[in-house]
């Protein structure tokens, strides 16, 4: 059982890491977009 669970654990860790990266990149893009809108408004 533990032999079966270990690869899944590492896979979940990789998956969560990649999703965190995507979320961070998305947040940066949204912040940049808001910043650009704010600059163009002023």
N, C-alpha and C. Protein backbone atom coordinates (compact mmCIF):
# COMPACT_ATOMS: atom_id res chain seq x y z
N UNK A 1 0.83 -1.21 0.00
CA UNK A 1 0.00 0.00 0.00
C UNK A 1 0.87 1.26 0.00
N UNK A 2 1.87 1.25 0.85
CA UNK A 2 2.72 2.44 0.92
C UNK A 2 3.53 2.61 -0.38
N UNK A 3 3.88 1.48 -1.00
CA UNK A 3 4.57 1.55 -2.28
C UNK A 3 3.69 2.20 -3.34
N UNK A 4 2.41 1.95 -3.22
CA UNK A 4 1.48 2.51 -4.19
C UNK A 4 1.19 3.97 -3.91
N UNK A 5 1.28 4.35 -2.67
CA UNK A 5 0.89 5.71 -2.30
C UNK A 5 2.01 6.72 -2.58
N UNK A 6 3.26 6.27 -2.52
CA UNK A 6 4.38 7.21 -2.65
C UNK A 6 4.41 7.96 -3.99
N UNK A 7 4.31 7.30 -5.13
CA UNK A 7 4.32 8.03 -6.41
C UNK A 7 3.16 9.02 -6.50
N UNK A 8 2.03 8.63 -5.93
CA UNK A 8 0.88 9.51 -5.97
C UNK A 8 1.15 10.78 -5.18
N UNK A 9 1.83 10.61 -4.07
CA UNK A 9 2.15 11.77 -3.23
C UNK A 9 3.05 12.75 -3.98
N UNK A 10 4.10 12.21 -4.61
CA UNK A 10 5.01 13.09 -5.35
C UNK A 10 4.30 13.73 -6.54
N UNK A 11 3.42 12.98 -7.16
CA UNK A 11 2.65 13.52 -8.29
C UNK A 11 1.75 14.66 -7.82
N UNK A 12 1.11 14.47 -6.67
CA UNK A 12 0.26 15.52 -6.12
C UNK A 12 1.08 16.76 -5.79
N UNK A 13 2.27 16.54 -5.27
CA UNK A 13 3.13 17.68 -4.94
C UNK A 13 3.51 18.45 -6.20
N UNK A 14 3.88 17.72 -7.25
CA UNK A 14 4.21 18.37 -8.51
C UNK A 14 3.01 19.13 -9.07
N UNK A 15 1.87 18.49 -8.98
CA UNK A 15 0.65 19.10 -9.52
C UNK A 15 0.32 20.38 -8.77
N UNK A 16 0.40 20.33 -7.45
CA UNK A 16 0.08 21.52 -6.66
C UNK A 16 1.10 22.63 -6.94
N UNK A 17 2.38 22.24 -7.11
CA UNK A 17 3.40 23.24 -7.40
C UNK A 17 3.13 23.93 -8.73
N UNK A 18 2.78 23.17 -9.74
CA UNK A 18 2.53 23.76 -11.06
C UNK A 18 1.28 24.64 -11.02
N UNK A 19 0.26 24.21 -10.27
CA UNK A 19 -0.96 25.02 -10.19
C UNK A 19 -0.68 26.31 -9.43
N UNK A 20 0.18 26.24 -8.40
CA UNK A 20 0.55 27.45 -7.68
C UNK A 20 1.26 28.42 -8.62
N UNK A 21 2.14 27.88 -9.44
CA UNK A 21 2.85 28.73 -10.41
C UNK A 21 1.87 29.39 -11.37
N UNK A 22 0.90 28.61 -11.84
CA UNK A 22 -0.09 29.18 -12.77
C UNK A 22 -0.88 30.28 -12.11
N UNK A 23 -1.26 30.06 -10.85
CA UNK A 23 -2.04 31.07 -10.13
C UNK A 23 -1.22 32.34 -9.95
N UNK A 24 0.06 32.17 -9.62
CA UNK A 24 0.92 33.34 -9.43
C UNK A 24 1.07 34.11 -10.75
N UNK A 25 1.28 33.39 -11.82
CA UNK A 25 1.41 34.05 -13.12
C UNK A 25 0.12 34.78 -13.50
N UNK A 26 -1.00 34.15 -13.23
CA UNK A 26 -2.28 34.77 -13.53
C UNK A 26 -2.47 36.04 -12.69
N UNK A 27 -2.10 35.98 -11.43
CA UNK A 27 -2.21 37.15 -10.57
C UNK A 27 -1.33 38.29 -11.07
N UNK A 28 -0.13 37.94 -11.51
CA UNK A 28 0.77 38.97 -12.04
C UNK A 28 0.16 39.62 -13.28
N UNK A 29 -0.42 38.81 -14.15
CA UNK A 29 -1.03 39.36 -15.36
C UNK A 29 -2.20 40.27 -15.01
N UNK A 30 -3.02 39.84 -14.05
CA UNK A 30 -4.18 40.65 -13.66
C UNK A 30 -3.72 41.96 -13.03
N UNK A 31 -2.72 41.87 -12.16
CA UNK A 31 -2.20 43.09 -11.54
C UNK A 31 -1.62 44.03 -12.59
N UNK A 32 -0.90 43.49 -13.55
CA UNK A 32 -0.31 44.30 -14.61
C UNK A 32 -1.41 44.96 -15.45
N UNK A 33 -2.47 44.19 -15.71
CA UNK A 33 -3.59 44.72 -16.50
C UNK A 33 -4.27 45.87 -15.76
N UNK A 34 -4.52 45.68 -14.45
CA UNK A 34 -5.15 46.74 -13.65
C UNK A 34 -4.24 47.97 -13.60
N UNK A 35 -2.95 47.72 -13.44
CA UNK A 35 -2.00 48.83 -13.38
C UNK A 35 -1.99 49.61 -14.70
N UNK A 36 -2.05 48.90 -15.81
CA UNK A 36 -2.07 49.56 -17.12
C UNK A 36 -3.34 50.37 -17.29
N UNK A 37 -4.46 49.83 -16.88
CA UNK A 37 -5.73 50.56 -16.97
C UNK A 37 -5.67 51.82 -16.12
N UNK A 38 -5.12 51.66 -14.94
CA UNK A 38 -5.02 52.81 -14.03
C UNK A 38 -4.14 53.89 -14.62
N UNK A 39 -3.04 53.51 -15.23
CA UNK A 39 -2.14 54.48 -15.84
C UNK A 39 -2.80 55.19 -17.02
N UNK A 40 -3.53 54.45 -17.81
CA UNK A 40 -4.17 55.05 -18.98
C UNK A 40 -5.32 55.97 -18.56
N UNK A 41 -5.93 55.66 -17.43
CA UNK A 41 -7.01 56.52 -16.95
C UNK A 41 -6.46 57.86 -16.47
N UNK A 42 -5.29 57.81 -15.84
CA UNK A 42 -4.68 59.07 -15.40
C UNK A 42 -3.97 59.71 -16.59
